[in-house]
Full PDB file with SEQRES, HELIX, SHEET, SSBOND, CRYST1, ORIGX, SCALE, CONECT and MASTER records, all heavy atoms in Angstrom:
SEQRES   1 A   36  ALA ALA ASN TRP TYR VAL GLY THR ASN ALA THR GLY SER          
SEQRES   2 A   36  LEU SER PRO ASN SER SER THR LEU ALA ASN TYR GLU SER          
SEQRES   3 A   36  ALA ILE ALA ASN ASP SER ASN ALA PHE ALA                      
HELIX    1 AA1 SER A   19  ILE A   28  1                                  10    
CRYST1    1.000    1.000    1.000  90.00  90.00  90.00 P 1           1          
ORIGX1      1.000000  0.000000  0.000000        0.00000                         
ORIGX2      0.000000  1.000000  0.000000        0.00000                         
ORIGX3      0.000000  0.000000  1.000000        0.00000                         
SCALE1      1.000000  0.000000  0.000000        0.00000                         
SCALE2      0.000000  1.000000  0.000000        0.00000                         
SCALE3      0.000000  0.000000  1.000000        0.00000                         
ATOM      1  N   ALA A   1       7.205  -7.256  -4.770  1.00  0.00           N  
ATOM      2  CA  ALA A   1       7.321  -8.453  -5.598  1.00  0.00           C  
ATOM      3  C   ALA A   1       8.590  -8.410  -6.434  1.00  0.00           C  
ATOM      4  O   ALA A   1       9.251  -9.418  -6.646  1.00  0.00           O  
ATOM      5  CB  ALA A   1       6.100  -8.594  -6.499  1.00  0.00           C  
ATOM      6  N   ALA A   2       8.944  -7.230  -6.911  1.00  0.00           N  
ATOM      7  CA  ALA A   2      10.116  -7.105  -7.774  1.00  0.00           C  
ATOM      8  C   ALA A   2      11.405  -7.422  -7.031  1.00  0.00           C  
ATOM      9  O   ALA A   2      12.399  -7.810  -7.633  1.00  0.00           O  
ATOM     10  CB  ALA A   2      10.178  -5.698  -8.361  1.00  0.00           C  
ATOM     11  N   ASN A   3      11.398  -7.265  -5.701  1.00  0.00           N  
ATOM     12  CA  ASN A   3      12.616  -7.482  -4.923  1.00  0.00           C  
ATOM     13  C   ASN A   3      12.877  -8.953  -4.592  1.00  0.00           C  
ATOM     14  O   ASN A   3      13.918  -9.284  -4.057  1.00  0.00           O  
ATOM     15  CB  ASN A   3      12.549  -6.671  -3.623  1.00  0.00           C  
ATOM     16  CG  ASN A   3      12.729  -5.193  -3.880  1.00  0.00           C  
ATOM     17  OD1 ASN A   3      13.342  -4.790  -4.851  1.00  0.00           O  
ATOM     18  ND2 ASN A   3      12.155  -4.376  -3.005  1.00  0.00           N  
ATOM     19  N   TRP A   4      11.908  -9.827  -4.830  1.00  0.00           N  
ATOM     20  CA  TRP A   4      12.079 -11.268  -4.642  1.00  0.00           C  
ATOM     21  C   TRP A   4      12.479 -11.621  -3.209  1.00  0.00           C  
ATOM     22  O   TRP A   4      13.355 -12.441  -2.976  1.00  0.00           O  
ATOM     23  CB  TRP A   4      13.092 -11.836  -5.637  1.00  0.00           C  
ATOM     24  CG  TRP A   4      12.585 -11.851  -7.040  1.00  0.00           C  
ATOM     25  CD1 TRP A   4      12.659 -10.852  -7.941  1.00  0.00           C  
ATOM     26  CD2 TRP A   4      11.908 -12.931  -7.706  1.00  0.00           C  
ATOM     27  NE1 TRP A   4      12.066 -11.216  -9.130  1.00  0.00           N  
ATOM     28  CE2 TRP A   4      11.594 -12.497  -9.014  1.00  0.00           C  
ATOM     29  CE3 TRP A   4      11.532 -14.214  -7.315  1.00  0.00           C  
ATOM     30  CZ2 TRP A   4      10.939 -13.299  -9.925  1.00  0.00           C  
ATOM     31  CZ3 TRP A   4      10.875 -15.015  -8.238  1.00  0.00           C  
ATOM     32  CH2 TRP A   4      10.586 -14.556  -9.531  1.00  0.00           C  
ATOM     33  N   TYR A   5      11.813 -11.005  -2.241  1.00  0.00           N  
ATOM     34  CA  TYR A   5      12.057 -11.374  -0.849  1.00  0.00           C  
ATOM     35  C   TYR A   5      11.383 -12.712  -0.540  1.00  0.00           C  
ATOM     36  O   TYR A   5      10.338 -13.029  -1.072  1.00  0.00           O  
ATOM     37  CB  TYR A   5      11.510 -10.312   0.100  1.00  0.00           C  
ATOM     38  CG  TYR A   5      12.203  -8.978   0.005  1.00  0.00           C  
ATOM     39  CD1 TYR A   5      11.472  -7.795   0.055  1.00  0.00           C  
ATOM     40  CD2 TYR A   5      13.585  -8.891  -0.130  1.00  0.00           C  
ATOM     41  CE1 TYR A   5      12.102  -6.560  -0.038  1.00  0.00           C  
ATOM     42  CE2 TYR A   5      14.220  -7.672  -0.227  1.00  0.00           C  
ATOM     43  CZ  TYR A   5      13.474  -6.505  -0.177  1.00  0.00           C  
ATOM     44  OH  TYR A   5      14.095  -5.290  -0.265  1.00  0.00           O  
ATOM     45  N   VAL A   6      12.003 -13.473   0.360  1.00  0.00           N  
ATOM     46  CA  VAL A   6      11.473 -14.783   0.750  1.00  0.00           C  
ATOM     47  C   VAL A   6      10.888 -14.689   2.162  1.00  0.00           C  
ATOM     48  O   VAL A   6      11.469 -14.066   3.038  1.00  0.00           O  
ATOM     49  CB  VAL A   6      12.574 -15.860   0.706  1.00  0.00           C  
ATOM     50  CG1 VAL A   6      12.054 -17.185   1.224  1.00  0.00           C  
ATOM     51  CG2 VAL A   6      13.098 -16.005  -0.719  1.00  0.00           C  
ATOM     52  N   GLY A   7       9.731 -15.322   2.356  1.00  0.00           N  
ATOM     53  CA  GLY A   7       9.136 -15.403   3.685  1.00  0.00           C  
ATOM     54  C   GLY A   7       8.400 -14.162   4.128  1.00  0.00           C  
ATOM     55  O   GLY A   7       8.080 -14.024   5.311  1.00  0.00           O  
ATOM     56  N   THR A   8       8.108 -13.241   3.217  1.00  0.00           N  
ATOM     57  CA  THR A   8       7.410 -12.020   3.597  1.00  0.00           C  
ATOM     58  C   THR A   8       5.899 -12.225   3.523  1.00  0.00           C  
ATOM     59  O   THR A   8       5.396 -13.045   2.762  1.00  0.00           O  
ATOM     60  CB  THR A   8       7.797 -10.853   2.673  1.00  0.00           C  
ATOM     61  OG1 THR A   8       7.464 -11.184   1.321  1.00  0.00           O  
ATOM     62  CG2 THR A   8       9.277 -10.561   2.762  1.00  0.00           C  
ATOM     63  N   ASN A   9       5.184 -11.437   4.316  1.00  0.00           N  
ATOM     64  CA  ASN A   9       3.720 -11.487   4.320  1.00  0.00           C  
ATOM     65  C   ASN A   9       3.228 -10.045   4.291  1.00  0.00           C  
ATOM     66  O   ASN A   9       2.786  -9.491   5.300  1.00  0.00           O  
ATOM     67  CB  ASN A   9       3.207 -12.216   5.557  1.00  0.00           C  
ATOM     68  CG  ASN A   9       1.697 -12.396   5.514  1.00  0.00           C  
ATOM     69  OD1 ASN A   9       1.069 -12.282   4.465  1.00  0.00           O  
ATOM     70  ND2 ASN A   9       1.105 -12.663   6.670  1.00  0.00           N  
ATOM     71  N   ALA A  10       3.345  -9.418   3.128  1.00  0.00           N  
ATOM     72  CA  ALA A  10       3.038  -7.991   2.978  1.00  0.00           C  
ATOM     73  C   ALA A  10       1.546  -7.782   2.747  1.00  0.00           C  
ATOM     74  O   ALA A  10       1.130  -7.197   1.757  1.00  0.00           O  
ATOM     75  CB  ALA A  10       3.851  -7.411   1.818  1.00  0.00           C  
ATOM     76  N   THR A  11       0.725  -8.294   3.658  1.00  0.00           N  
ATOM     77  CA  THR A  11      -0.714  -8.170   3.513  1.00  0.00           C  
ATOM     78  C   THR A  11      -1.335  -7.774   4.838  1.00  0.00           C  
ATOM     79  O   THR A  11      -0.743  -7.936   5.894  1.00  0.00           O  
ATOM     80  CB  THR A  11      -1.353  -9.498   3.060  1.00  0.00           C  
ATOM     81  OG1 THR A  11      -1.130 -10.488   4.071  1.00  0.00           O  
ATOM     82  CG2 THR A  11      -0.758  -9.973   1.755  1.00  0.00           C  
ATOM     83  N   GLY A  12      -2.531  -7.251   4.757  1.00  0.00           N  
ATOM     84  CA  GLY A  12      -3.284  -6.903   5.953  1.00  0.00           C  
ATOM     85  C   GLY A  12      -4.740  -6.753   5.584  1.00  0.00           C  
ATOM     86  O   GLY A  12      -5.096  -6.681   4.407  1.00  0.00           O  
ATOM     87  N   SER A  13      -5.598  -6.692   6.565  1.00  0.00           N  
ATOM     88  CA  SER A  13      -7.027  -6.563   6.318  1.00  0.00           C  
ATOM     89  C   SER A  13      -7.360  -5.101   6.048  1.00  0.00           C  
ATOM     90  O   SER A  13      -7.199  -4.245   6.916  1.00  0.00           O  
ATOM     91  CB  SER A  13      -7.822  -7.066   7.521  1.00  0.00           C  
ATOM     92  OG  SER A  13      -9.201  -6.908   7.297  1.00  0.00           O  
ATOM     93  N   LEU A  14      -7.816  -4.813   4.830  1.00  0.00           N  
ATOM     94  CA  LEU A  14      -8.129  -3.436   4.446  1.00  0.00           C  
ATOM     95  C   LEU A  14      -9.587  -3.117   4.787  1.00  0.00           C  
ATOM     96  O   LEU A  14     -10.384  -2.736   3.938  1.00  0.00           O  
ATOM     97  CB  LEU A  14      -7.869  -3.244   2.951  1.00  0.00           C  
ATOM     98  CG  LEU A  14      -6.440  -3.525   2.485  1.00  0.00           C  
ATOM     99  CD1 LEU A  14      -6.318  -3.333   0.976  1.00  0.00           C  
ATOM    100  CD2 LEU A  14      -5.445  -2.633   3.211  1.00  0.00           C  
ATOM    101  N   SER A  15      -9.943  -3.266   6.053  1.00  0.00           N  
ATOM    102  CA  SER A  15     -11.319  -3.030   6.471  1.00  0.00           C  
ATOM    103  C   SER A  15     -11.599  -1.531   6.529  1.00  0.00           C  
ATOM    104  O   SER A  15     -10.688  -0.726   6.752  1.00  0.00           O  
ATOM    105  CB  SER A  15     -11.573  -3.669   7.833  1.00  0.00           C  
ATOM    106  OG  SER A  15     -10.636  -3.214   8.789  1.00  0.00           O  
ATOM    107  N   PRO A  16     -12.860  -1.128   6.328  1.00  0.00           N  
ATOM    108  CA  PRO A  16     -13.210   0.300   6.318  1.00  0.00           C  
ATOM    109  C   PRO A  16     -12.768   1.007   7.595  1.00  0.00           C  
ATOM    110  O   PRO A  16     -12.885   0.478   8.693  1.00  0.00           O  
ATOM    111  CB  PRO A  16     -14.743   0.275   6.189  1.00  0.00           C  
ATOM    112  CG  PRO A  16     -15.037  -1.018   5.515  1.00  0.00           C  
ATOM    113  CD  PRO A  16     -14.020  -1.987   6.043  1.00  0.00           C  
ATOM    114  N   ASN A  17     -12.226   2.221   7.415  1.00  0.00           N  
ATOM    115  CA  ASN A  17     -11.806   3.087   8.517  1.00  0.00           C  
ATOM    116  C   ASN A  17     -10.636   2.532   9.332  1.00  0.00           C  
ATOM    117  O   ASN A  17     -10.320   3.063  10.403  1.00  0.00           O  
ATOM    118  CB  ASN A  17     -12.982   3.371   9.460  1.00  0.00           C  
ATOM    119  CG  ASN A  17     -14.148   4.026   8.749  1.00  0.00           C  
ATOM    120  OD1 ASN A  17     -13.956   4.925   7.929  1.00  0.00           O  
ATOM    121  ND2 ASN A  17     -15.358   3.583   9.049  1.00  0.00           N  
ATOM    122  N   SER A  18      -9.986   1.469   8.842  1.00  0.00           N  
ATOM    123  CA  SER A  18      -8.853   0.905   9.570  1.00  0.00           C  
ATOM    124  C   SER A  18      -7.577   1.673   9.254  1.00  0.00           C  
ATOM    125  O   SER A  18      -7.452   2.325   8.220  1.00  0.00           O  
ATOM    126  CB  SER A  18      -8.672  -0.573   9.210  1.00  0.00           C  
ATOM    127  OG  SER A  18      -8.262  -0.705   7.858  1.00  0.00           O  
ATOM    128  N   SER A  19      -6.602   1.592  10.164  1.00  0.00           N  
ATOM    129  CA  SER A  19      -5.311   2.238   9.921  1.00  0.00           C  
ATOM    130  C   SER A  19      -4.586   1.575   8.762  1.00  0.00           C  
ATOM    131  O   SER A  19      -3.848   2.235   8.014  1.00  0.00           O  
ATOM    132  CB  SER A  19      -4.446   2.174  11.195  1.00  0.00           C  
ATOM    133  OG  SER A  19      -4.227   0.833  11.587  1.00  0.00           O  
ATOM    134  N   THR A  20      -4.800   0.246   8.602  1.00  0.00           N  
ATOM    135  CA  THR A  20      -4.162  -0.466   7.486  1.00  0.00           C  
ATOM    136  C   THR A  20      -4.642   0.083   6.157  1.00  0.00           C  
ATOM    137  O   THR A  20      -3.848   0.300   5.233  1.00  0.00           O  
ATOM    138  CB  THR A  20      -4.470  -1.972   7.568  1.00  0.00           C  
ATOM    139  OG1 THR A  20      -4.070  -2.467   8.834  1.00  0.00           O  
ATOM    140  CG2 THR A  20      -3.734  -2.738   6.474  1.00  0.00           C  
ATOM    141  N   LEU A  21      -5.949   0.331   6.052  1.00  0.00           N  
ATOM    142  CA  LEU A  21      -6.508   0.887   4.822  1.00  0.00           C  
ATOM    143  C   LEU A  21      -5.983   2.295   4.580  1.00  0.00           C  
ATOM    144  O   LEU A  21      -5.612   2.646   3.457  1.00  0.00           O  
ATOM    145  CB  LEU A  21      -8.032   0.892   4.887  1.00  0.00           C  
ATOM    146  CG  LEU A  21      -8.760   1.501   3.676  1.00  0.00           C  
ATOM    147  CD1 LEU A  21      -8.404   0.737   2.410  1.00  0.00           C  
ATOM    148  CD2 LEU A  21     -10.269   1.512   3.894  1.00  0.00           C  
ATOM    149  N   ALA A  22      -5.923   3.091   5.644  1.00  0.00           N  
ATOM    150  CA  ALA A  22      -5.415   4.459   5.505  1.00  0.00           C  
ATOM    151  C   ALA A  22      -3.959   4.454   5.042  1.00  0.00           C  
ATOM    152  O   ALA A  22      -3.570   5.248   4.173  1.00  0.00           O  
ATOM    153  CB  ALA A  22      -5.557   5.197   6.835  1.00  0.00           C  
ATOM    154  N   ASN A  23      -3.147   3.570   5.606  1.00  0.00           N  
ATOM    155  CA  ASN A  23      -1.742   3.480   5.209  1.00  0.00           C  
ATOM    156  C   ASN A  23      -1.606   3.017   3.764  1.00  0.00           C  
ATOM    157  O   ASN A  23      -0.729   3.488   3.026  1.00  0.00           O  
ATOM    158  CB  ASN A  23      -0.991   2.515   6.131  1.00  0.00           C  
ATOM    159  CG  ASN A  23      -0.860   3.053   7.542  1.00  0.00           C  
ATOM    160  OD1 ASN A  23      -0.916   4.264   7.764  1.00  0.00           O  
ATOM    161  ND2 ASN A  23      -0.690   2.170   8.519  1.00  0.00           N  
ATOM    162  N   TYR A  24      -2.472   2.071   3.361  1.00  0.00           N  
ATOM    163  CA  TYR A  24      -2.441   1.577   1.984  1.00  0.00           C  
ATOM    164  C   TYR A  24      -2.788   2.692   1.005  1.00  0.00           C  
ATOM    165  O   TYR A  24      -2.096   2.901   0.007  1.00  0.00           O  
ATOM    166  CB  TYR A  24      -3.419   0.414   1.840  1.00  0.00           C  
ATOM    167  CG  TYR A  24      -3.581  -0.076   0.418  1.00  0.00           C  
ATOM    168  CD1 TYR A  24      -2.584  -0.837  -0.184  1.00  0.00           C  
ATOM    169  CD2 TYR A  24      -4.717   0.216  -0.324  1.00  0.00           C  
ATOM    170  CE1 TYR A  24      -2.707  -1.290  -1.487  1.00  0.00           C  
ATOM    171  CE2 TYR A  24      -4.857  -0.226  -1.636  1.00  0.00           C  
ATOM    172  CZ  TYR A  24      -3.852  -0.983  -2.204  1.00  0.00           C  
ATOM    173  OH  TYR A  24      -3.991  -1.410  -3.499  1.00  0.00           O  
ATOM    174  N   GLU A  25      -3.870   3.417   1.294  1.00  0.00           N  
ATOM    175  CA  GLU A  25      -4.283   4.503   0.407  1.00  0.00           C  
ATOM    176  C   GLU A  25      -3.198   5.567   0.308  1.00  0.00           C  
ATOM    177  O   GLU A  25      -2.967   6.150  -0.750  1.00  0.00           O  
ATOM    178  CB  GLU A  25      -5.597   5.116   0.890  1.00  0.00           C  
ATOM    179  CG  GLU A  25      -6.819   4.244   0.672  1.00  0.00           C  
ATOM    180  CD  GLU A  25      -7.250   4.192  -0.796  1.00  0.00           C  
ATOM    181  OE1 GLU A  25      -6.739   4.982  -1.608  1.00  0.00           O  
ATOM    182  OE2 GLU A  25      -8.092   3.342  -1.132  1.00  0.00           O  
ATOM    183  N   SER A  26      -2.524   5.821   1.428  1.00  0.00           N  
ATOM    184  CA  SER A  26      -1.440   6.797   1.418  1.00  0.00           C  
ATOM    185  C   SER A  26      -0.273   6.318   0.560  1.00  0.00           C  
ATOM    186  O   SER A  26       0.361   7.110  -0.153  1.00  0.00           O  
ATOM    187  CB  SER A  26      -0.975   7.052   2.857  1.00  0.00           C  
ATOM    188  OG  SER A  26       0.136   7.926   2.885  1.00  0.00           O  
ATOM    189  N   ALA A  27       0.004   5.003   0.630  1.00  0.00           N  
ATOM    190  CA  ALA A  27       1.140   4.444  -0.111  1.00  0.00           C  
ATOM    191  C   ALA A  27       0.921   4.482  -1.622  1.00  0.00           C  
ATOM    192  O   ALA A  27       1.870   4.669  -2.389  1.00  0.00           O  
ATOM    193  CB  ALA A  27       1.397   3.011   0.341  1.00  0.00           C  
ATOM    194  N   ILE A  28      -0.319   4.298  -2.066  1.00  0.00           N  
ATOM    195  CA  ILE A  28      -0.573   4.248  -3.506  1.00  0.00           C  
ATOM    196  C   ILE A  28      -0.955   5.604  -4.089  1.00  0.00           C  
ATOM    197  O   ILE A  28      -1.009   5.761  -5.316  1.00  0.00           O  
ATOM    198  CB  ILE A  28      -1.689   3.234  -3.841  1.00  0.00           C  
ATOM    199  CG1 ILE A  28      -3.025   3.664  -3.235  1.00  0.00           C  
ATOM    200  CG2 ILE A  28      -1.286   1.831  -3.403  1.00  0.00           C  
ATOM    201  CD1 ILE A  28      -4.202   2.794  -3.652  1.00  0.00           C  
ATOM    202  N   ALA A  29      -1.221   6.600  -3.236  1.00  0.00           N  
ATOM    203  CA  ALA A  29      -1.653   7.910  -3.722  1.00  0.00           C  
ATOM    204  C   ALA A  29      -0.621   8.505  -4.676  1.00  0.00           C  
ATOM    205  O   ALA A  29       0.577   8.520  -4.393  1.00  0.00           O  
ATOM    206  CB  ALA A  29      -1.893   8.849  -2.545  1.00  0.00           C  
ATOM    207  N   ASN A  30      -1.116   8.998  -5.812  1.00  0.00           N  
ATOM    208  CA  ASN A  30      -0.236   9.579  -6.823  1.00  0.00           C  
ATOM    209  C   ASN A  30      -0.844  10.871  -7.367  1.00  0.00           C  
ATOM    210  O   ASN A  30      -0.558  11.287  -8.482  1.00  0.00           O  
ATOM    211  CB  ASN A  30      -0.030   8.573  -7.965  1.00  0.00           C  
ATOM    212  CG  ASN A  30       1.270   8.787  -8.726  1.00  0.00           C  
ATOM    213  OD1 ASN A  30       2.253   9.271  -8.160  1.00  0.00           O  
ATOM    214  ND2 ASN A  30       1.282   8.442  -9.999  1.00  0.00           N  
ATOM    215  N   ASP A  31      -1.691  11.512  -6.565  1.00  0.00           N  
ATOM    216  CA  ASP A  31      -2.457  12.670  -7.019  1.00  0.00           C  
ATOM    217  C   ASP A  31      -1.582  13.873  -7.349  1.00  0.00           C  
ATOM    218  O   ASP A  31      -1.913  14.655  -8.236  1.00  0.00           O  
ATOM    219  CB  ASP A  31      -3.477  13.060  -5.943  1.00  0.00           C  
ATOM    220  CG  ASP A  31      -4.416  11.918  -5.589  1.00  0.00           C  
ATOM    221  OD1 ASP A  31      -5.353  11.674  -6.359  1.00  0.00           O  
ATOM    222  OD2 ASP A  31      -4.192  11.266  -4.556  1.00  0.00           O  
ATOM    223  N   SER A  32      -0.493  14.040  -6.635  1.00  0.00           N  
ATOM    224  CA  SER A  32       0.339  15.233  -6.822  1.00  0.00           C  
ATOM    225  C   SER A  32       1.316  15.107  -7.984  1.00  0.00           C  
ATOM    226  O   SER A  32       2.016  16.066  -8.313  1.00  0.00           O  
ATOM    227  CB  SER A  32       1.116  15.525  -5.534  1.00  0.00           C  
ATOM    228  OG  SER A  32       1.978  14.444  -5.209  1.00  0.00           O  
ATOM    229  N   ASN A  33       1.368  13.934  -8.614  1.00  0.00           N  
ATOM    230  CA  ASN A  33       2.294  13.717  -9.721  1.00  0.00           C  
ATOM    231  C   ASN A  33       1.644  14.173 -11.023  1.00  0.00           C  
ATOM    232  O   ASN A  33       0.782  13.497 -11.586  1.00  0.00           O  
ATOM    233  CB  ASN A  33       2.659  12.228  -9.802  1.00  0.00           C  
ATOM    234  CG  ASN A  33       3.762  11.954 -10.807  1.00  0.00           C  
ATOM    235  OD1 ASN A  33       4.176  12.843 -11.552  1.00  0.00           O  
ATOM    236  ND2 ASN A  33       4.245  10.719 -10.828  1.00  0.00           N  
ATOM    237  N   ALA A  34       2.028  15.329 -11.513  1.00  0.00           N  
ATOM    238  CA  ALA A  34       1.434  15.883 -12.735  1.00  0.00           C  
ATOM    239  C   ALA A  34       1.956  15.202 -13.993  1.00  0.00           C  
ATOM    240  O   ALA A  34       1.387  15.371 -15.072  1.00  0.00           O  
ATOM    241  CB  ALA A  34       1.708  17.384 -12.815  1.00  0.00           C  
ATOM    242  N   PHE A  35       3.049  14.432 -13.870  1.00  0.00           N  
ATOM    243  CA  PHE A  35       3.671  13.774 -15.015  1.00  0.00           C  
ATOM    244  C   PHE A  35       3.819  12.279 -14.731  1.00  0.00           C  
ATOM    245  O   PHE A  35       4.900  11.707 -14.824  1.00  0.00           O  
ATOM    246  CB  PHE A  35       5.023  14.409 -15.321  1.00  0.00           C  
ATOM    247  CG  PHE A  35       4.947  15.886 -15.567  1.00  0.00           C  
ATOM    248  CD1 PHE A  35       5.159  16.788 -14.538  1.00  0.00           C  
ATOM    249  CD2 PHE A  35       4.620  16.382 -16.824  1.00  0.00           C  
ATOM    250  CE1 PHE A  35       5.074  18.155 -14.756  1.00  0.00           C  
ATOM    251  CE2 PHE A  35       4.531  17.744 -17.058  1.00  0.00           C  
ATOM    252  CZ  PHE A  35       4.756  18.641 -16.022  1.00  0.00           C  
ATOM    253  N   ALA A  36       2.691  11.634 -14.384  1.00  0.00           N  
ATOM    254  CA  ALA A  36       2.716  10.244 -13.923  1.00  0.00           C  
ATOM    255  C   ALA A  36       2.986   9.239 -15.029  1.00  0.00           C  
ATOM    256  O   ALA A  36       3.228   8.071 -14.753  1.00  0.00           O  
ATOM    257  CB  ALA A  36       1.377   9.909 -13.251  1.00  0.00           C  
TER     258      ALA A  36                                                      
MASTER        0    0    0    1    0    0    0    6  257    1    0    3          
END                                                                             
């Protein structure tokens, strides 16, 4: 959102056990950051 791209559709169905959900969880994971 911060980049102000036009015409993008950065969404997908986050259904249980789907690859989209797995990729999303991986993208937001911040567990290893001790100084978040």
